[in-house]
């Protein structure tokens, strides 16, 4: 049976494919980005098919529908391929040809994907909740900014409470300001309702997973942070060691050293935060660490205070607490055990 390697440059409306066999591109295809078109091609090839695409908004959908129809389906990190793409001419056919070379030489960095429909749905609701929370914050900032333009200080209680807002409106004599505020308050109320709806949907979906409920027992971790961590990490066995997970979450340190000094001695190693990481996970873990530090009588607060006493900077100590929180949660996930204070 023949072996084929396919590099697919995928777009919303069309896909360009380069098909390689025995180190030569033997065929090129271009068709609408529809699942039946890919399946028809696989059937025509009738062999062992290895396929690669780049991470994009379409990658999850294609992975779910195609990964079990080929020998291996790879979603790769486009940042890793950037140097290759920048070398020479560029168009969709050329990109597809470069992708198939990357696949054949195994010079790609794979992006993790899951085909579990329930987890994909939960992740979608986590994203919707996060998006609408940001919109609520943005709308509130617009309201405060608008008041400032008219020399009016708008209390936070008025923005949050509709009843107080109606009474407060009576103090505004400028009709132009009032009409703009009413528009923004209506928009804010709609977005707050959507956030509440998304949270109720999250609560219903999270009920299927015991580990999320166990994580909520941890200081600093609530339903939203637990759901975010669960959906973006997906499995405790995804990373081969803790260091890689810490870096992916944005709280690990990357080692950097190069060359020698004027005396021929190796230059000192520098440790710095990673350039690329998952911002959702960093927000969840660092936010959880800050909440745990602010709470009373828990081991994460004690750990933070011990680091400060040893002379650590506050931001360094917070990252250490975040790493301890990660290790604790991954241990609970693997062992399927609840949180017990003092044992992490």
C-alpha atoms as a PDB file:
ATOM      1  CA  UNK A   1       0.000   0.000   0.000  1.00  0.00           C
ATOM      2  CA  UNK A   2       1.331   3.402  -1.007  1.00  0.00           C
ATOM      3  CA  UNK A   3       2.049   6.175   1.482  1.00  0.00           C
ATOM      4  CA  UNK A   4       0.954   9.729   0.751  1.00  0.00           C
ATOM      5  CA  UNK A   5       1.799  12.975   2.524  1.00  0.00           C
ATOM      6  CA  UNK A   6      -0.635  15.877   2.166  1.00  0.00           C
ATOM      7  CA  UNK A   7       0.034  19.512   2.991  1.00  0.00           C
ATOM      8  CA  UNK A   8      -3.170  21.566   3.059  1.00  0.00           C
ATOM      9  CA  UNK A   9      -3.248  25.360   3.038  1.00  0.00           C
ATOM     10  CA  UNK A  10      -6.776  25.829   4.365  1.00  0.00           C
ATOM     11  CA  UNK A  11      -8.951  28.912   4.058  1.00  0.00           C
ATOM     12  CA  UNK A  12     -12.602  29.649   4.745  1.00  0.00           C
ATOM     13  CA  UNK A  13     -13.748  29.211   1.138  1.00  0.00           C
ATOM     14  CA  UNK A  14     -11.051  27.088  -0.501  1.00  0.00           C
ATOM     15  CA  UNK A  15      -8.161  24.742   0.269  1.00  0.00           C
ATOM     16  CA  UNK A  16      -4.958  24.128  -1.679  1.00  0.00           C
ATOM     17  CA  UNK A  17      -3.349  20.706  -1.271  1.00  0.00           C
ATOM     18  CA  UNK A  18       0.033  19.314  -2.277  1.00  0.00           C
ATOM     19  CA  UNK A  19       0.257  15.500  -2.338  1.00  0.00           C
ATOM     20  CA  UNK A  20       3.661  13.824  -2.021  1.00  0.00           C
ATOM     21  CA  UNK A  21       4.673  10.254  -2.743  1.00  0.00           C
ATOM     22  CA  UNK A  22       8.266   8.973  -2.717  1.00  0.00           C
ATOM     23  CA  UNK A  23       9.671  12.448  -1.958  1.00  0.00           C
ATOM     24  CA  UNK A  24       7.985  14.035  -4.978  1.00  0.00           C
ATOM     25  CA  UNK A  25       4.847  16.138  -5.241  1.00  0.00           C
ATOM     26  CA  UNK A  26       2.760  14.059  -7.630  1.00  0.00           C
ATOM     27  CA  UNK A  27      -0.514  15.961  -7.515  1.00  0.00           C
ATOM     28  CA  UNK A  28      -2.089  19.260  -6.524  1.00  0.00           C
ATOM     29  CA  UNK A  29      -5.701  19.873  -5.632  1.00  0.00           C
ATOM     30  CA  UNK A  30      -7.860  22.918  -5.033  1.00  0.00           C
ATOM     31  CA  UNK A  31     -11.466  22.674  -3.844  1.00  0.00           C
ATOM     32  CA  UNK A  32     -14.003  24.218  -1.499  1.00  0.00           C
ATOM     33  CA  UNK A  33     -13.270  23.653   2.170  1.00  0.00           C
ATOM     34  CA  UNK A  34     -15.923  21.012   2.749  1.00  0.00           C
ATOM     35  CA  UNK A  35     -15.542  17.659   4.499  1.00  0.00           C
ATOM     36  CA  UNK A  36     -16.931  15.545   1.601  1.00  0.00           C
ATOM     37  CA  UNK A  37     -14.241  16.928  -0.725  1.00  0.00           C
ATOM     38  CA  UNK A  38     -11.463  15.771   1.632  1.00  0.00           C
ATOM     39  CA  UNK A  39     -13.083  12.348   2.081  1.00  0.00           C
ATOM     40  CA  UNK A  40     -13.406  11.905  -1.681  1.00  0.00           C
ATOM     41  CA  UNK A  41      -9.680  12.647  -2.077  1.00  0.00           C
ATOM     42  CA  UNK A  42      -8.714  10.130   0.615  1.00  0.00           C
ATOM     43  CA  UNK A  43     -10.836   7.493  -1.123  1.00  0.00           C
ATOM     44  CA  UNK A  44      -9.154   8.187  -4.471  1.00  0.00           C
ATOM     45  CA  UNK A  45      -5.669   7.873  -2.976  1.00  0.00           C
ATOM     46  CA  UNK A  46      -6.501   4.524  -1.333  1.00  0.00           C
ATOM     47  CA  UNK A  47      -3.346   4.312   0.776  1.00  0.00           C
ATOM     48  CA  UNK A  48      -1.762   5.381   4.049  1.00  0.00           C
ATOM     49  CA  UNK A  49      -2.382   9.109   4.241  1.00  0.00           C
ATOM     50  CA  UNK A  50      -0.509  11.550   6.502  1.00  0.00           C
ATOM     51  CA  UNK A  51      -1.926  15.070   6.486  1.00  0.00           C
ATOM     52  CA  UNK A  52      -0.879  18.405   7.961  1.00  0.00           C
ATOM     53  CA  UNK A  53      -2.644  21.760   8.343  1.00  0.00           C
ATOM     54  CA  UNK A  54      -1.792  24.863  10.330  1.00  0.00           C
ATOM     55  CA  UNK A  55      -3.582  25.961  13.496  1.00  0.00           C
ATOM     56  CA  UNK A  56      -6.489  28.283  12.624  1.00  0.00           C
ATOM     57  CA  UNK A  57     -10.173  28.825  13.380  1.00  0.00           C
ATOM     58  CA  UNK A  58     -10.945  25.902  11.039  1.00  0.00           C
ATOM     59  CA  UNK A  59      -8.401  23.510  12.551  1.00  0.00           C
ATOM     60  CA  UNK A  60     -10.632  22.097  15.311  1.00  0.00           C
ATOM     61  CA  UNK A  61     -13.516  21.419  12.930  1.00  0.00           C
ATOM     62  CA  UNK A  62     -11.261  19.721  10.379  1.00  0.00           C
ATOM     63  CA  UNK A  63      -9.490  17.687  13.060  1.00  0.00           C
ATOM     64  CA  UNK A  64     -12.762  16.363  14.515  1.00  0.00           C
ATOM     65  CA  UNK A  65     -14.038  15.289  11.101  1.00  0.00           C
ATOM     66  CA  UNK A  66     -10.854  14.013   9.455  1.00  0.00           C
ATOM     67  CA  UNK A  67      -8.359  12.748  12.032  1.00  0.00           C
ATOM     68  CA  UNK A  68      -9.828   9.215  12.121  1.00  0.00           C
ATOM     69  CA  UNK A  69      -9.994   9.016   8.309  1.00  0.00           C
ATOM     70  CA  UNK A  70      -6.201   9.154   7.828  1.00  0.00           C
ATOM     71  CA  UNK A  71      -3.142   7.474   9.287  1.00  0.00           C
ATOM     72  CA  UNK A  72      -2.062  10.661  11.055  1.00  0.00           C
ATOM     73  CA  UNK A  73      -3.590  14.137  11.072  1.00  0.00           C
ATOM     74  CA  UNK A  74      -1.299  16.901  12.305  1.00  0.00           C
ATOM     75  CA  UNK A  75      -2.257  20.430  13.300  1.00  0.00           C
ATOM     76  CA  UNK A  76       0.986  22.409  13.483  1.00  0.00           C
ATOM     77  CA  UNK A  77       2.018  25.730  15.014  1.00  0.00           C
ATOM     78  CA  UNK A  78       2.370  28.386  12.262  1.00  0.00           C
ATOM     79  CA  UNK A  79       4.904  30.327  14.355  1.00  0.00           C
ATOM     80  CA  UNK A  80       7.327  27.428  14.010  1.00  0.00           C
ATOM     81  CA  UNK A  81       6.955  27.561  10.207  1.00  0.00           C
ATOM     82  CA  UNK A  82       7.356  31.325   9.816  1.00  0.00           C
ATOM     83  CA  UNK A  83      11.028  31.262   8.824  1.00  0.00           C
ATOM     84  CA  UNK A  84      10.299  28.695   6.102  1.00  0.00           C
ATOM     85  CA  UNK A  85       7.382  30.720   4.746  1.00  0.00           C
ATOM     86  CA  UNK A  86       9.389  33.938   4.656  1.00  0.00           C
ATOM     87  CA  UNK A  87      11.993  32.327   2.394  1.00  0.00           C
ATOM     88  CA  UNK A  88      11.139  33.000  -1.264  1.00  0.00           C
ATOM     89  CA  UNK A  89       7.835  33.538  -3.034  1.00  0.00           C
ATOM     90  CA  UNK A  90       4.530  32.989  -1.301  1.00  0.00           C
ATOM     91  CA  UNK A  91       1.096  31.884  -2.476  1.00  0.00           C
ATOM     92  CA  UNK A  92      -1.342  29.150  -1.482  1.00  0.00           C
ATOM     93  CA  UNK A  93       0.196  26.472  -3.716  1.00  0.00           C
ATOM     94  CA  UNK A  94       3.715  27.266  -2.521  1.00  0.00           C
ATOM     95  CA  UNK A  95       2.548  27.204   1.113  1.00  0.00           C
ATOM     96  CA  UNK A  96       0.905  23.804   0.618  1.00  0.00           C
ATOM     97  CA  UNK A  97       4.151  22.480  -0.899  1.00  0.00           C
ATOM     98  CA  UNK A  98       6.180  23.804   2.031  1.00  0.00           C
ATOM     99  CA  UNK A  99       3.725  22.256   4.497  1.00  0.00           C
ATOM    100  CA  UNK A 100       4.090  18.796   2.962  1.00  0.00           C
ATOM    101  CA  UNK A 101       7.893  19.120   3.190  1.00  0.00           C
ATOM    102  CA  UNK A 102       7.547  20.060   6.862  1.00  0.00           C
ATOM    103  CA  UNK A 103       5.371  16.983   7.424  1.00  0.00           C
ATOM    104  CA  UNK A 104       7.729  14.649   5.589  1.00  0.00           C
ATOM    105  CA  UNK A 105      10.760  15.938   7.518  1.00  0.00           C
ATOM    106  CA  UNK A 106       8.859  16.028  10.836  1.00  0.00           C
ATOM    107  CA  UNK A 107      10.024  19.603  11.429  1.00  0.00           C
ATOM    108  CA  UNK A 108       6.730  20.789  12.882  1.00  0.00           C
ATOM    109  CA  UNK A 109       5.497  21.641  16.368  1.00  0.00           C
ATOM    110  CA  UNK A 110       2.138  19.947  16.885  1.00  0.00           C
ATOM    111  CA  UNK A 111      -0.832  21.791  18.385  1.00  0.00           C
ATOM    112  CA  UNK A 112      -3.020  19.680  20.653  1.00  0.00           C
ATOM    113  CA  UNK A 113      -6.665  19.075  19.695  1.00  0.00           C
ATOM    114  CA  UNK A 114      -9.460  16.987  21.211  1.00  0.00           C
ATOM    115  CA  UNK A 115     -12.370  15.366  19.376  1.00  0.00           C
ATOM    116  CA  UNK A 116     -14.637  14.979  22.455  1.00  0.00           C
ATOM    117  CA  UNK A 117     -17.832  16.851  21.519  1.00  0.00           C
ATOM    118  CA  UNK A 118     -18.800  17.561  25.163  1.00  0.00           C
ATOM    119  CA  UNK A 119     -15.422  19.107  25.972  1.00  0.00           C
ATOM    120  CA  UNK A 120     -15.462  21.133  22.769  1.00  0.00           C
ATOM    121  CA  UNK A 121     -18.879  22.514  23.741  1.00  0.00           C
ATOM    122  CA  UNK A 122     -17.668  23.356  27.254  1.00  0.00           C
ATOM    123  CA  UNK A 123     -14.614  25.144  25.848  1.00  0.00           C
ATOM    124  CA  UNK A 124     -16.850  27.140  23.499  1.00  0.00           C
ATOM    125  CA  UNK A 125     -18.962  28.332  26.451  1.00  0.00           C
ATOM    126  CA  UNK A 126     -15.825  29.213  28.437  1.00  0.00           C
ATOM    127  CA  UNK A 127     -14.733  31.401  25.514  1.00  0.00           C
ATOM    128  CA  UNK A 128     -18.200  32.973  25.220  1.00  0.00           C
ATOM    129  CA  UNK A 129     -18.252  33.761  28.933  1.00  0.00           C
ATOM    130  CA  UNK A 130     -14.766  35.279  28.792  1.00  0.00           C
ATOM    131  CA  UNK A 131     -15.653  37.371  25.726  1.00  0.00           C
ATOM    132  CA  UNK A 132     -18.825  38.775  27.286  1.00  0.00           C
ATOM    133  CA  UNK A 133     -17.113  39.561  30.605  1.00  0.00           C
ATOM    134  CA  UNK A 134     -14.573  41.627  28.650  1.00  0.00           C
ATOM    135  CA  UNK A 135     -17.437  43.385  26.870  1.00  0.00           C
ATOM    136  CA  UNK A 136     -19.068  44.206  30.231  1.00  0.00           C
ATOM    137  CA  UNK A 137     -15.801  45.704  31.496  1.00  0.00           C
ATOM    138  CA  UNK A 138     -15.388  47.659  28.261  1.00  0.00           C
ATOM    139  CA  UNK A 139     -18.944  49.008  28.489  1.00  0.00           C
ATOM    140  CA  UNK A 140     -18.424  50.113  32.100  1.00  0.00           C
ATOM    141  CA  UNK A 141     -15.217  51.926  31.144  1.00  0.00           C
ATOM    142  CA  UNK A 142     -17.095  53.730  28.369  1.00  0.00           C
ATOM    143  CA  UNK A 143     -19.702  54.873  30.891  1.00  0.00           C
ATOM    144  CA  UNK A 144     -17.073  56.222  33.307  1.00  0.00           C
ATOM    145  CA  UNK A 145     -15.237  57.888  30.419  1.00  0.00           C
ATOM    146  CA  UNK A 146     -18.421  59.516  29.134  1.00  0.00           C
ATOM    147  CA  UNK A 147     -19.163  60.964  32.567  1.00  0.00           C
ATOM    148  CA  UNK A 148     -15.639  62.361  32.728  1.00  0.00           C
ATOM    149  CA  UNK A 149     -16.141  64.210  29.438  1.00  0.00           C
ATOM    150  CA  UNK A 150     -19.065  66.066  31.012  1.00  0.00           C
ATOM    151  CA  UNK A 151     -17.372  66.563  34.387  1.00  0.00           C
ATOM    152  CA  UNK A 152     -19.686  64.043  36.082  1.00  0.00           C
ATOM    153  CA  UNK A 153     -18.386  61.349  38.448  1.00  0.00           C
ATOM    154  CA  UNK A 154     -20.526  58.217  38.067  1.00  0.00           C
ATOM    155  CA  UNK A 155     -20.454  56.024  41.209  1.00  0.00           C
ATOM    156  CA  UNK A 156     -19.757  52.313  40.725  1.00  0.00           C
ATOM    157  CA  UNK A 157     -22.914  51.478  42.716  1.00  0.00           C
ATOM    158  CA  UNK A 158     -24.998  53.365  40.125  1.00  0.00           C
ATOM    159  CA  UNK A 159     -23.451  51.399  37.275  1.00  0.00           C
ATOM    160  CA  UNK A 160     -24.154  48.069  38.989  1.00  0.00           C
ATOM    161  CA  UNK A 161     -27.582  48.717  40.544  1.00  0.00           C
ATOM    162  CA  UNK A 162     -30.510  49.540  38.237  1.00  0.00           C
ATOM    163  CA  UNK A 163     -32.691  50.910  41.079  1.00  0.00           C
ATOM    164  CA  UNK A 164     -29.989  53.344  42.241  1.00  0.00           C
ATOM    165  CA  UNK A 165     -29.387  54.280  38.623  1.00  0.00           C
ATOM    166  CA  UNK A 166     -33.007  55.394  38.106  1.00  0.00           C
ATOM    167  CA  UNK A 167     -32.825  57.698  41.145  1.00  0.00           C
ATOM    168  CA  UNK A 168     -29.400  59.017  40.178  1.00  0.00           C
ATOM    169  CA  UNK A 169     -30.676  59.969  36.713  1.00  0.00           C
ATOM    170  CA  UNK A 170     -32.838  62.660  38.324  1.00  0.00           C
ATOM    171  CA  UNK A 171     -29.666  64.572  39.231  1.00  0.00           C
ATOM    172  CA  UNK A 172     -28.580  64.826  35.564  1.00  0.00           C
ATOM    173  CA  UNK A 173     -29.834  67.985  33.887  1.00  0.00           C
ATOM    174  CA  UNK A 174     -27.846  67.653  30.650  1.00  0.00           C
ATOM    175  CA  UNK A 175     -30.146  65.825  28.222  1.00  0.00           C
ATOM    176  CA  UNK A 176     -27.282  65.038  25.807  1.00  0.00           C
ATOM    177  CA  UNK A 177     -25.350  63.207  28.524  1.00  0.00           C
ATOM    178  CA  UNK A 178     -28.506  61.463  29.740  1.00  0.00           C
ATOM    179  CA  UNK A 179     -29.419  60.097  26.304  1.00  0.00           C
ATOM    180  CA  UNK A 180     -25.893  58.711  25.767  1.00  0.00           C
ATOM    181  CA  UNK A 181     -25.833  57.177  29.255  1.00  0.00           C
ATOM    182  CA  UNK A 182     -29.206  55.501  28.704  1.00  0.00           C
ATOM    183  CA  UNK A 183     -27.877  53.978  25.489  1.00  0.00           C
ATOM    184  CA  UNK A 184     -24.761  52.612  27.228  1.00  0.00           C
ATOM    185  CA  UNK A 185     -26.685  51.402  30.300  1.00  0.00           C
ATOM    186  CA  UNK A 186     -29.092  49.467  28.059  1.00  0.00           C
ATOM    187  CA  UNK A 187     -26.122  47.869  26.300  1.00  0.00           C
ATOM    188  CA  UNK A 188     -24.495  47.075  29.651  1.00  0.00           C
ATOM    189  CA  UNK A 189     -27.634  45.431  31.045  1.00  0.00           C
ATOM    190  CA  UNK A 190     -27.918  43.206  27.951  1.00  0.00           C
ATOM    191  CA  UNK A 191     -24.286  42.113  28.256  1.00  0.00           C
ATOM    192  CA  UNK A 192     -24.684  41.379  31.989  1.00  0.00           C
ATOM    193  CA  UNK A 193     -27.662  39.137  31.166  1.00  0.00           C
ATOM    194  CA  UNK A 194     -25.571  37.290  28.577  1.00  0.00           C
ATOM    195  CA  UNK A 195     -22.772  36.753  31.126  1.00  0.00           C
ATOM    196  CA  UNK A 196     -25.278  35.277  33.593  1.00  0.00           C
ATOM    197  CA  UNK A 197     -26.706  33.027  30.873  1.00  0.00           C
ATOM    198  CA  UNK A 198     -23.242  31.810  29.890  1.00  0.00           C
ATOM    199  CA  UNK A 199     -22.398  31.100  33.534  1.00  0.00           C
ATOM    200  CA  UNK A 200     -25.587  29.044  33.996  1.00  0.00           C
ATOM    201  CA  UNK A 201     -24.712  27.060  30.887  1.00  0.00           C
ATOM    202  CA  UNK A 202     -21.194  26.504  32.233  1.00  0.00           C
ATOM    203  CA  UNK A 203     -22.551  25.277  35.567  1.00  0.00           C
ATOM    204  CA  UNK A 204     -24.742  22.740  33.792  1.00  0.00           C
ATOM    205  CA  UNK A 205     -21.928  21.452  31.567  1.00  0.00           C
ATOM    206  CA  UNK A 206     -19.336  21.331  34.365  1.00  0.00           C
ATOM    207  CA  UNK A 207     -21.564  18.980  36.363  1.00  0.00           C
ATOM    208  CA  UNK A 208     -20.354  16.092  34.179  1.00  0.00           C
ATOM    209  CA  UNK A 209     -16.778  16.367  35.447  1.00  0.00           C
ATOM    210  CA  UNK A 210     -15.951  15.530  39.074  1.00  0.00           C
ATOM    211  CA  UNK A 211     -12.480  17.065  38.894  1.00  0.00           C
ATOM    212  CA  UNK A 212     -13.937  20.553  38.369  1.00  0.00           C
ATOM    213  CA  UNK A 213     -15.994  20.195  41.540  1.00  0.00           C
ATOM    214  CA  UNK A 214     -12.895  18.992  43.447  1.00  0.00           C
ATOM    215  CA  UNK A 215     -10.839  21.934  42.184  1.00  0.00           C
ATOM    216  CA  UNK A 216     -13.439  24.385  43.470  1.00  0.00           C
ATOM    217  CA  UNK A 217     -12.452  23.281  47.001  1.00  0.00           C
ATOM    218  CA  UNK A 218      -9.028  24.895  46.490  1.00  0.00           C
ATOM    219  CA  UNK A 219      -8.474  28.421  47.842  1.00  0.00           C
ATOM    220  CA  UNK A 220      -8.558  30.903  44.964  1.00  0.00           C
ATOM    221  CA  UNK A 221     -10.267  28.553  42.498  1.00  0.00           C
ATOM    222  CA  UNK A 222     -13.933  28.991  41.580  1.00  0.00           C
ATOM    223  CA  UNK A 223     -16.107  27.501  38.879  1.00  0.00           C
ATOM    224  CA  UNK A 224     -14.939  29.779  36.061  1.00  0.00           C
ATOM    225  CA  UNK A 225     -11.225  29.326  36.743  1.00  0.00           C
ATOM    226  CA  UNK A 226     -11.678  25.568  37.190  1.00  0.00           C
ATOM    227  CA  UNK A 227     -13.615  25.272  33.913  1.00  0.00           C
ATOM    228  CA  UNK A 228     -11.029  27.387  32.082  1.00  0.00           C
ATOM    229  CA  UNK A 229      -8.141  25.252  33.343  1.00  0.00           C
ATOM    230  CA  UNK A 230      -9.985  22.017  32.565  1.00  0.00           C
ATOM    231  CA  UNK A 231     -10.855  22.962  28.980  1.00  0.00           C
ATOM    232  CA  UNK A 232      -7.517  24.493  28.000  1.00  0.00           C
ATOM    233  CA  UNK A 233      -5.295  21.759  29.477  1.00  0.00           C
ATOM    234  CA  UNK A 234      -7.770  18.977  28.631  1.00  0.00           C
ATOM    235  CA  UNK A 235      -5.756  16.102  30.155  1.00  0.00           C
ATOM    236  CA  UNK A 236      -3.164  15.925  32.971  1.00  0.00           C
ATOM    237  CA  UNK A 237      -0.983  13.682  30.779  1.00  0.00           C
ATOM    238  CA  UNK A 238      -0.674  16.178  27.924  1.00  0.00           C
ATOM    239  CA  UNK A 239       2.773  17.430  28.989  1.00  0.00           C
ATOM    240  CA  UNK A 240       5.750  15.152  29.625  1.00  0.00           C
ATOM    241  CA  UNK A 241       6.946  17.154  32.646  1.00  0.00           C
ATOM    242  CA  UNK A 242       5.934  19.985  34.959  1.00  0.00           C
ATOM    243  CA  UNK A 243       8.374  22.457  33.453  1.00  0.00           C
ATOM    244  CA  UNK A 244       6.681  22.341  30.032  1.00  0.00           C
ATOM    245  CA  UNK A 245       3.270  22.818  31.623  1.00  0.00           C
ATOM    246  CA  UNK A 246       4.517  25.772  33.695  1.00  0.00           C
ATOM    247  CA  UNK A 247       5.884  27.448  30.558  1.00  0.00           C
ATOM    248  CA  UNK A 248       2.650  26.816  28.648  1.00  0.00           C
ATOM    249  CA  UNK A 249       0.759  28.486  31.490  1.00  0.00           C
ATOM    250  CA  UNK A 250       3.088  31.494  31.391  1.00  0.00           C
ATOM    251  CA  UNK A 251       4.565  31.078  34.882  1.00  0.00           C
ATOM    252  CA  UNK A 252       7.577  28.882  34.082  1.00  0.00           C
ATOM    253  CA  UNK A 253      11.028  30.232  33.256  1.00  0.00           C
ATOM    254  CA  UNK A 254      12.956  29.872  29.997  1.00  0.00           C
ATOM    255  CA  UNK A 255      16.743  29.447  30.218  1.00  0.00           C
ATOM    256  CA  UNK A 256      18.869  31.556  27.869  1.00  0.00           C
ATOM    257  CA  UNK A 257      22.656  31.584  27.464  1.00  0.00           C
ATOM    258  CA  UNK A 258      24.987  32.160  24.525  1.00  0.00           C
ATOM    259  CA  UNK A 259      28.667  32.789  23.874  1.00  0.00           C
ATOM    260  CA  UNK A 260      31.515  33.634  26.230  1.00  0.00           C
ATOM    261  CA  UNK A 261      32.864  36.779  27.854  1.00  0.00           C
ATOM    262  CA  UNK A 262      36.186  38.455  26.995  1.00  0.00           C
ATOM    263  CA  UNK A 263      38.006  35.979  29.251  1.00  0.00           C
ATOM    264  CA  UNK A 264      36.577  32.973  27.432  1.00  0.00           C
ATOM    265  CA  UNK A 265      34.230  31.998  30.233  1.00  0.00           C
ATOM    266  CA  UNK A 266      30.609  31.049  29.400  1.00  0.00           C
ATOM    267  CA  UNK A 267      28.248  33.941  29.943  1.00  0.00           C
ATOM    268  CA  UNK A 268      25.866  33.717  32.879  1.00  0.00           C
ATOM    269  CA  UNK A 269      22.583  31.952  32.234  1.00  0.00           C
ATOM    270  CA  UNK A 270      19.529  34.234  32.160  1.00  0.00           C
ATOM    271  CA  UNK A 271      16.088  33.112  33.200  1.00  0.00           C
ATOM    272  CA  UNK A 272      13.081  34.893  31.729  1.00  0.00           C
ATOM    273  CA  UNK A 273       9.361  34.393  31.252  1.00  0.00           C
ATOM    274  CA  UNK A 274       8.269  32.643  28.036  1.00  0.00           C
ATOM    275  CA  UNK A 275       7.303  34.778  25.060  1.00  0.00           C
ATOM    276  CA  UNK A 276       4.531  32.444  23.952  1.00  0.00           C
ATOM    277  CA  UNK A 277       2.041  30.962  26.397  1.00  0.00           C
ATOM    278  CA  UNK A 278      -1.686  30.418  26.913  1.00  0.00           C
ATOM    279  CA  UNK A 279      -3.048  33.705  28.246  1.00  0.00           C
ATOM    280  CA  UNK A 280      -6.292  32.151  29.485  1.00  0.00           C
ATOM    281  CA  UNK A 281      -4.369  29.701  31.679  1.00  0.00           C
ATOM    282  CA  UNK A 282      -1.970  32.379  32.947  1.00  0.00           C
ATOM    283  CA  UNK A 283      -4.913  34.583  33.962  1.00  0.00           C
ATOM    284  CA  UNK A 284      -6.595  31.645  35.706  1.00  0.00           C
ATOM    285  CA  UNK A 285      -3.551  30.443  37.651  1.00  0.00           C
ATOM    286  CA  UNK A 286      -2.091  33.839  38.546  1.00  0.00           C
ATOM    287  CA  UNK A 287      -5.562  35.092  39.480  1.00  0.00           C
ATOM    288  CA  UNK A 288      -6.086  31.970  41.585  1.00  0.00           C
ATOM    289  CA  UNK A 289      -2.721  32.485  43.275  1.00  0.00           C
ATOM    290  CA  UNK A 290      -3.557  36.115  44.102  1.00  0.00           C
ATOM    291  CA  UNK A 291      -6.951  35.105  45.542  1.00  0.00           C
ATOM    292  CA  UNK A 292      -5.371  32.332  47.613  1.00  0.00           C
ATOM    293  CA  UNK A 293      -2.716  34.730  48.947  1.00  0.00           C
ATOM    294  CA  UNK A 294      -5.443  37.188  49.950  1.00  0.00           C
ATOM    295  CA  UNK A 295      -7.489  34.499  51.735  1.00  0.00           C
ATOM    296  CA  UNK A 296      -6.936  33.368  55.309  1.00  0.00           C
ATOM    297  CA  UNK A 297      -5.338  30.209  56.673  1.00  0.00           C
ATOM    298  CA  UNK A 298      -4.250  28.199  53.646  1.00  0.00           C
ATOM    299  CA  UNK A 299      -0.975  26.623  52.597  1.00  0.00           C
ATOM    300  CA  UNK A 300      -0.607  28.807  49.488  1.00  0.00           C
ATOM    301  CA  UNK A 301      -0.674  31.967  51.612  1.00  0.00           C
ATOM    302  CA  UNK A 302       1.825  30.410  54.028  1.00  0.00           C
ATOM    303  CA  UNK A 303       4.076  29.424  51.120  1.00  0.00           C
ATOM    304  CA  UNK A 304       3.940  32.971  49.707  1.00  0.00           C
ATOM    305  CA  UNK A 305       4.825  34.525  53.057  1.00  0.00           C
ATOM    306  CA  UNK A 306       7.738  32.117  53.534  1.00  0.00           C
ATOM    307  CA  UNK A 307       9.140  33.121  50.134  1.00  0.00           C
ATOM    308  CA  UNK A 308       8.845  36.822  50.986  1.00  0.00           C
ATOM    309  CA  UNK A 309      10.716  36.205  54.251  1.00  0.00           C
ATOM    310  CA  UNK A 310      13.488  34.542  52.250  1.00  0.00           C
ATOM    311  CA  UNK A 311      13.892  37.739  50.223  1.00  0.00           C
ATOM    312  CA  UNK A 312      11.959  36.845  47.076  1.00  0.00           C
ATOM    313  CA  UNK A 313      10.345  39.658  45.136  1.00  0.00           C
ATOM    314  CA  UNK A 314       6.542  39.751  45.371  1.00  0.00           C
ATOM    315  CA  UNK A 315       5.977  39.004  41.668  1.00  0.00           C
ATOM    316  CA  UNK A 316       8.448  36.084  41.790  1.00  0.00           C
ATOM    317  CA  UNK A 317       6.718  34.702  44.897  1.00  0.00           C
ATOM    318  CA  UNK A 318       3.322  34.959  43.170  1.00  0.00           C
ATOM    319  CA  UNK A 319       4.586  32.927  40.225  1.00  0.00           C
ATOM    320  CA  UNK A 320       5.951  30.314  42.644  1.00  0.00           C
ATOM    321  CA  UNK A 321       2.508  30.085  44.257  1.00  0.00           C
ATOM    322  CA  UNK A 322       0.925  29.762  40.797  1.00  0.00           C
ATOM    323  CA  UNK A 323       3.289  26.871  39.995  1.00  0.00           C
ATOM    324  CA  UNK A 324       2.418  25.199  43.303  1.00  0.00           C
ATOM    325  CA  UNK A 325      -1.260  25.627  42.448  1.00  0.00           C
ATOM    326  CA  UNK A 326      -0.682  23.999  39.038  1.00  0.00           C
ATOM    327  CA  UNK A 327       1.130  21.037  40.605  1.00  0.00           C
ATOM    328  CA  UNK A 328      -1.601  20.576  43.191  1.00  0.00           C
ATOM    329  CA  UNK A 329      -4.377  20.612  40.603  1.00  0.00           C
ATOM    330  CA  UNK A 330      -2.580  18.222  38.255  1.00  0.00           C
ATOM    331  CA  UNK A 331      -1.948  15.849  41.170  1.00  0.00           C
ATOM    332  CA  UNK A 332      -5.642  15.907  42.081  1.00  0.00           C
ATOM    333  CA  UNK A 333      -6.564  15.289  38.441  1.00  0.00           C
ATOM    334  CA  UNK A 334      -4.253  12.293  38.078  1.00  0.00           C
ATOM    335  CA  UNK A 335      -5.065  10.712  41.438  1.00  0.00           C
ATOM    336  CA  UNK A 336      -8.795  11.623  41.333  1.00  0.00           C
ATOM    337  CA  UNK A 337      -8.491  12.660  44.980  1.00  0.00           C
ATOM    338  CA  UNK A 338     -10.025  15.721  46.700  1.00  0.00           C
ATOM    339  CA  UNK A 339      -7.979  18.612  48.040  1.00  0.00           C
ATOM    340  CA  UNK A 340      -6.608  18.092  51.556  1.00  0.00           C
ATOM    341  CA  UNK A 341      -5.018  21.144  53.168  1.00  0.00           C
ATOM    342  CA  UNK A 342      -1.317  20.634  53.897  1.00  0.00           C
ATOM    343  CA  UNK A 343      -0.782  17.566  51.693  1.00  0.00           C
ATOM    344  CA  UNK A 344       0.028  19.362  48.408  1.00  0.00           C
END
